[in-house]
Protein backbone atom coordinates (compact mmCIF):
# COMPACT_ATOMS: atom_id res chain seq x y z
CA MET A 1 -0.13 -0.16 -0.21
CA ASP A 2 0.73 3.43 -0.88
CA GLU A 3 2.80 5.28 2.47
CA GLN A 4 0.55 8.23 1.34
CA THR A 5 -2.92 6.35 0.92
CA PRO A 6 -5.28 6.21 4.06
CA GLN A 7 -6.11 3.04 5.11
CA LYS A 8 -9.62 2.07 4.87
CA ALA A 9 -12.49 1.16 6.98
CA VAL A 10 -12.96 -2.85 7.57
CA ILE A 11 -15.68 -4.24 6.14
CA GLN A 12 -17.84 -7.44 6.43
CA TYR A 13 -18.04 -10.15 4.11
CA ASP A 14 -21.59 -8.96 3.26
CA ASP A 15 -20.80 -5.79 2.06
CA PHE A 16 -18.94 -7.02 -0.41
CA ALA A 17 -20.96 -9.60 -1.37
CA ARG A 18 -23.91 -6.53 -2.46
CA LEU A 19 -21.43 -5.53 -5.20
CA ASP A 20 -22.50 -7.02 -8.58
CA LEU A 21 -19.09 -7.22 -10.14
CA LYS A 22 -19.20 -8.45 -13.89
CA VAL A 23 -16.96 -8.82 -16.66
CA GLY A 24 -17.52 -5.96 -19.54
CA THR A 25 -16.35 -6.05 -23.30
CA VAL A 26 -15.62 -2.79 -24.25
CA LEU A 27 -17.08 -2.41 -28.03
CA GLU A 28 -16.49 1.29 -28.35
CA VAL A 29 -14.55 4.17 -27.20
CA ALA A 30 -15.41 8.49 -27.52
CA ASP A 31 -13.68 11.21 -26.02
CA HIS A 32 -16.28 13.14 -23.70
CA PRO A 33 -17.51 16.19 -25.33
CA ASN A 34 -17.40 18.05 -22.09
CA ALA A 35 -13.98 17.10 -20.08
CA ASP A 36 -10.44 16.87 -20.96
CA LYS A 37 -9.96 13.58 -18.81
CA LEU A 38 -12.81 11.25 -19.02
CA LEU A 39 -13.23 8.78 -21.77
CA VAL A 40 -17.13 7.33 -22.75
CA MET A 41 -17.17 3.76 -23.32
CA LYS A 42 -20.32 1.47 -24.60
CA VAL A 43 -19.43 -1.86 -22.86
CA ASP A 44 -21.21 -4.91 -23.09
CA LEU A 45 -22.36 -6.53 -20.16
CA GLY A 46 -23.78 -9.91 -21.43
CA GLY A 47 -26.77 -9.18 -23.09
CA GLU A 48 -26.98 -5.95 -21.79
CA GLN A 49 -25.01 -2.75 -23.58
CA ARG A 50 -24.46 0.33 -20.54
CA GLN A 51 -22.70 3.58 -21.04
CA ILE A 52 -19.25 4.09 -18.82
CA ILE A 53 -17.26 7.05 -18.59
CA ALA A 54 -14.19 7.23 -16.72
CA GLY A 55 -10.85 9.30 -15.85
CA LEU A 56 -9.03 7.43 -18.31
CA LYS A 57 -7.75 10.13 -20.76
CA GLY A 58 -4.23 10.23 -20.80
CA TYR A 59 -3.42 6.65 -19.10
CA CYS A 60 -5.05 4.33 -21.68
CA THR A 61 -5.48 5.31 -25.43
CA HIS A 62 -8.67 4.33 -27.38
CA GLU A 63 -7.46 1.52 -29.41
CA GLN A 64 -5.86 -0.14 -25.60
CA MET A 65 -9.52 -0.40 -24.50
CA LEU A 66 -11.63 -1.27 -27.17
CA GLY A 67 -12.15 -4.95 -26.94
CA ALA A 68 -10.57 -5.01 -23.55
CA ARG A 69 -12.33 -7.07 -20.72
CA ILE A 70 -12.39 -5.22 -17.74
CA VAL A 71 -14.09 -5.78 -14.61
CA VAL A 72 -17.32 -3.49 -13.77
CA VAL A 73 -19.34 -2.63 -10.45
CA ALA A 74 -22.92 -3.38 -12.71
CA ASN A 75 -25.21 -2.44 -9.39
CA LEU A 76 -23.69 0.80 -8.96
CA ALA A 77 -26.73 3.60 -9.06
CA PRO A 78 -26.50 5.53 -12.21
CA ARG A 79 -24.37 9.15 -12.15
CA LYS A 80 -24.00 12.34 -14.26
CA MET A 81 -20.57 13.16 -15.15
CA ARG A 82 -20.38 15.95 -16.88
CA GLY A 83 -24.06 16.36 -18.62
CA LEU A 84 -23.97 12.36 -19.23
CA GLU A 85 -24.91 9.54 -17.50
CA SER A 86 -22.02 6.75 -16.75
CA GLN A 87 -23.91 3.28 -15.82
CA GLY A 88 -21.68 1.79 -13.87
CA MET A 89 -17.39 1.86 -12.74
CA LEU A 90 -14.80 0.00 -14.11
CA LEU A 91 -12.20 -0.89 -11.36
CA ALA A 92 -8.42 0.17 -11.79
CA ALA A 93 -5.37 -0.13 -9.97
CA SER A 94 -4.01 3.18 -9.58
CA TRP A 95 0.05 4.58 -7.79
CA THR A 96 2.24 7.03 -8.14
CA GLU A 97 5.88 5.89 -9.42
CA ALA A 98 9.39 6.84 -7.30
CA ASP A 99 9.50 9.74 -10.07
CA GLY A 100 6.08 11.29 -9.39
CA THR A 101 4.42 10.38 -12.16
CA PHE A 102 0.75 8.87 -11.25
CA LYS A 103 -0.53 5.77 -13.54
CA VAL A 104 -3.82 4.39 -13.79
CA VAL A 105 -4.47 0.83 -15.37
CA PRO A 106 -8.18 -0.54 -15.92
CA LEU A 107 -8.54 -4.35 -14.35
CA THR A 108 -8.99 -6.72 -17.07
CA THR A 109 -8.99 -10.12 -17.66
CA SER A 110 -6.05 -12.23 -18.72
CA LEU A 111 -7.94 -14.96 -20.08
CA PRO A 112 -11.01 -15.26 -22.44
CA SER A 113 -14.16 -14.79 -19.62
CA PRO A 114 -17.67 -13.86 -21.58
CA ALA A 115 -19.12 -10.63 -21.46
CA GLY A 116 -21.48 -10.64 -18.45
CA ALA A 117 -19.51 -13.34 -16.50
CA ASN A 118 -19.91 -12.72 -12.86
CA VAL A 119 -16.47 -11.76 -11.02
CA SER A 120 -15.86 -12.82 -6.91
């Protein structure tokens, strides 16, 4: 754990179990029209497509994200982000390099897994 990241409260298993984590396949990627750091993605969650907005611009290219199998919090309430609705959240790792560079990497599956597969 990064020394600058405060420790978060311990949660119970039931809190974690309330999350609906799914594999999603990124079908489309575009820059957000009203934000410099946001990407707008159309994601297939296994028979259902959703729009997910994430602060990945500058960390990932459109080509890297297109077709990626990402991990999505599927039961998060929709949220407006700079005028567009995000219908879920992707999981990502983030850290600061020794030189001070901040990095963000979306969590993806390394082995084939279908869109909509449960993550646990």
